[in-house]
C-alpha atoms as a PDB file:
ATOM      1  CA  UNK A   1      -0.679 -15.525  21.675  1.00  0.00           C
ATOM      2  CA  UNK A   2      -0.127 -13.216  18.698  1.00  0.00           C
ATOM      3  CA  UNK A   3      -2.464 -10.545  17.420  1.00  0.00           C
ATOM      4  CA  UNK A   4      -2.213  -9.268  13.857  1.00  0.00           C
ATOM      5  CA  UNK A   5      -3.557  -5.822  13.024  1.00  0.00           C
ATOM      6  CA  UNK A   6      -4.281  -4.486   9.537  1.00  0.00           C
ATOM      7  CA  UNK A   7      -4.418  -1.048   7.992  1.00  0.00           C
ATOM      8  CA  UNK A   8      -5.447  -0.026   4.506  1.00  0.00           C
ATOM      9  CA  UNK A   9      -3.391   2.427   2.457  1.00  0.00           C
ATOM     10  CA  UNK A  10      -3.500   3.656  -1.129  1.00  0.00           C
ATOM     11  CA  UNK A  11      -0.138   4.281  -2.753  1.00  0.00           C
ATOM     12  CA  UNK A  12       0.096   6.712  -5.665  1.00  0.00           C
ATOM     13  CA  UNK A  13       2.702   6.682  -8.429  1.00  0.00           C
ATOM     14  CA  UNK A  14       3.286   8.200 -11.845  1.00  0.00           C
ATOM     15  CA  UNK A  15       5.211   5.048 -12.857  1.00  0.00           C
ATOM     16  CA  UNK A  16       3.264   1.830 -12.138  1.00  0.00           C
ATOM     17  CA  UNK A  17       0.917  -0.026  -9.802  1.00  0.00           C
ATOM     18  CA  UNK A  18       3.927  -1.892  -8.355  1.00  0.00           C
ATOM     19  CA  UNK A  19       5.658   1.393  -7.578  1.00  0.00           C
ATOM     20  CA  UNK A  20       2.455   2.683  -5.957  1.00  0.00           C
ATOM     21  CA  UNK A  21       2.331  -0.410  -3.715  1.00  0.00           C
ATOM     22  CA  UNK A  22       5.999   0.038  -2.781  1.00  0.00           C
ATOM     23  CA  UNK A  23       5.389   3.688  -1.886  1.00  0.00           C
ATOM     24  CA  UNK A  24       2.528   2.717   0.432  1.00  0.00           C
ATOM     25  CA  UNK A  25       4.686   0.029   2.069  1.00  0.00           C
ATOM     26  CA  UNK A  26       7.646   2.423   2.431  1.00  0.00           C
ATOM     27  CA  UNK A  27       5.444   4.974   4.164  1.00  0.00           C
ATOM     28  CA  UNK A  28       3.914   2.368   6.496  1.00  0.00           C
ATOM     29  CA  UNK A  29       7.276   0.998   7.615  1.00  0.00           C
ATOM     30  CA  UNK A  30       8.360   4.470   8.741  1.00  0.00           C
ATOM     31  CA  UNK A  31       6.013   4.177  11.748  1.00  0.00           C
ATOM     32  CA  UNK A  32       5.048   0.488  12.013  1.00  0.00           C
ATOM     33  CA  UNK A  33       7.148  -2.354  13.398  1.00  0.00           C
ATOM     34  CA  UNK A  34       6.609  -6.023  12.643  1.00  0.00           C
ATOM     35  CA  UNK A  35       5.131  -5.666   9.147  1.00  0.00           C
ATOM     36  CA  UNK A  36       4.590  -9.229   7.907  1.00  0.00           C
ATOM     37  CA  UNK A  37       3.041  -8.683   4.496  1.00  0.00           C
ATOM     38  CA  UNK A  38       0.241  -7.103   2.548  1.00  0.00           C
ATOM     39  CA  UNK A  39      -2.561  -7.927   0.145  1.00  0.00           C
ATOM     40  CA  UNK A  40      -3.364  -5.915  -2.967  1.00  0.00           C
ATOM     41  CA  UNK A  41      -7.075  -5.156  -2.713  1.00  0.00           C
ATOM     42  CA  UNK A  42      -7.545  -2.993  -5.786  1.00  0.00           C
ATOM     43  CA  UNK A  43      -5.697  -1.157  -8.514  1.00  0.00           C
ATOM     44  CA  UNK A  44      -7.007   1.880 -10.333  1.00  0.00           C
ATOM     45  CA  UNK A  45      -5.744   4.832 -12.304  1.00  0.00           C
ATOM     46  CA  UNK A  46      -6.437   8.505 -12.835  1.00  0.00           C
ATOM     47  CA  UNK A  47      -6.657   9.483 -16.498  1.00  0.00           C
ATOM     48  CA  UNK A  48      -5.788  12.903 -17.899  1.00  0.00           C
ATOM     49  CA  UNK A  49      -5.869  13.741 -21.614  1.00  0.00           C
ATOM     50  CA  UNK A  50      -6.490  10.071 -22.529  1.00  0.00           C
ATOM     51  CA  UNK A  51      -3.323   8.959 -20.704  1.00  0.00           C
ATOM     52  CA  UNK A  52      -2.723   7.383 -17.299  1.00  0.00           C
ATOM     53  CA  UNK A  53      -1.667  10.245 -15.040  1.00  0.00           C
ATOM     54  CA  UNK A  54      -1.501   8.328 -11.725  1.00  0.00           C
ATOM     55  CA  UNK A  55      -1.493   4.687 -10.714  1.00  0.00           C
ATOM     56  CA  UNK A  56      -3.292   3.895  -7.448  1.00  0.00           C
ATOM     57  CA  UNK A  57      -2.784   0.644  -5.509  1.00  0.00           C
ATOM     58  CA  UNK A  58      -4.984  -0.084  -2.483  1.00  0.00           C
ATOM     59  CA  UNK A  59      -3.186  -2.434  -0.082  1.00  0.00           C
ATOM     60  CA  UNK A  60      -3.981  -3.980   3.305  1.00  0.00           C
ATOM     61  CA  UNK A  61      -0.845  -4.215   5.446  1.00  0.00           C
ATOM     62  CA  UNK A  62      -0.533  -6.842   8.201  1.00  0.00           C
ATOM     63  CA  UNK A  63       1.631  -6.278  11.262  1.00  0.00           C
ATOM     64  CA  UNK A  64       2.054  -8.020  14.579  1.00  0.00           C
ATOM     65  CA  UNK A  65       1.023  -6.208  17.768  1.00  0.00           C
ATOM     66  CA  UNK A  66       3.927  -6.093  20.221  1.00  0.00           C
ATOM     67  CA  UNK A  67       3.218  -6.214  23.942  1.00  0.00           C
END
């Protein structure tokens, strides 16, 4: 029987929401094995001087527990 665990991360990028999601995934795969996918839960941005300064992407990563 398989067990899937999830963790939530928020990636941050100066480029795009996609890049922010990729940064969160890259960081997660440094310490997690068996990553199977993720869901984008929310996107947001930080605004400075009427411009987007940072893109934030909140993701929920799924990975299989290994026994």
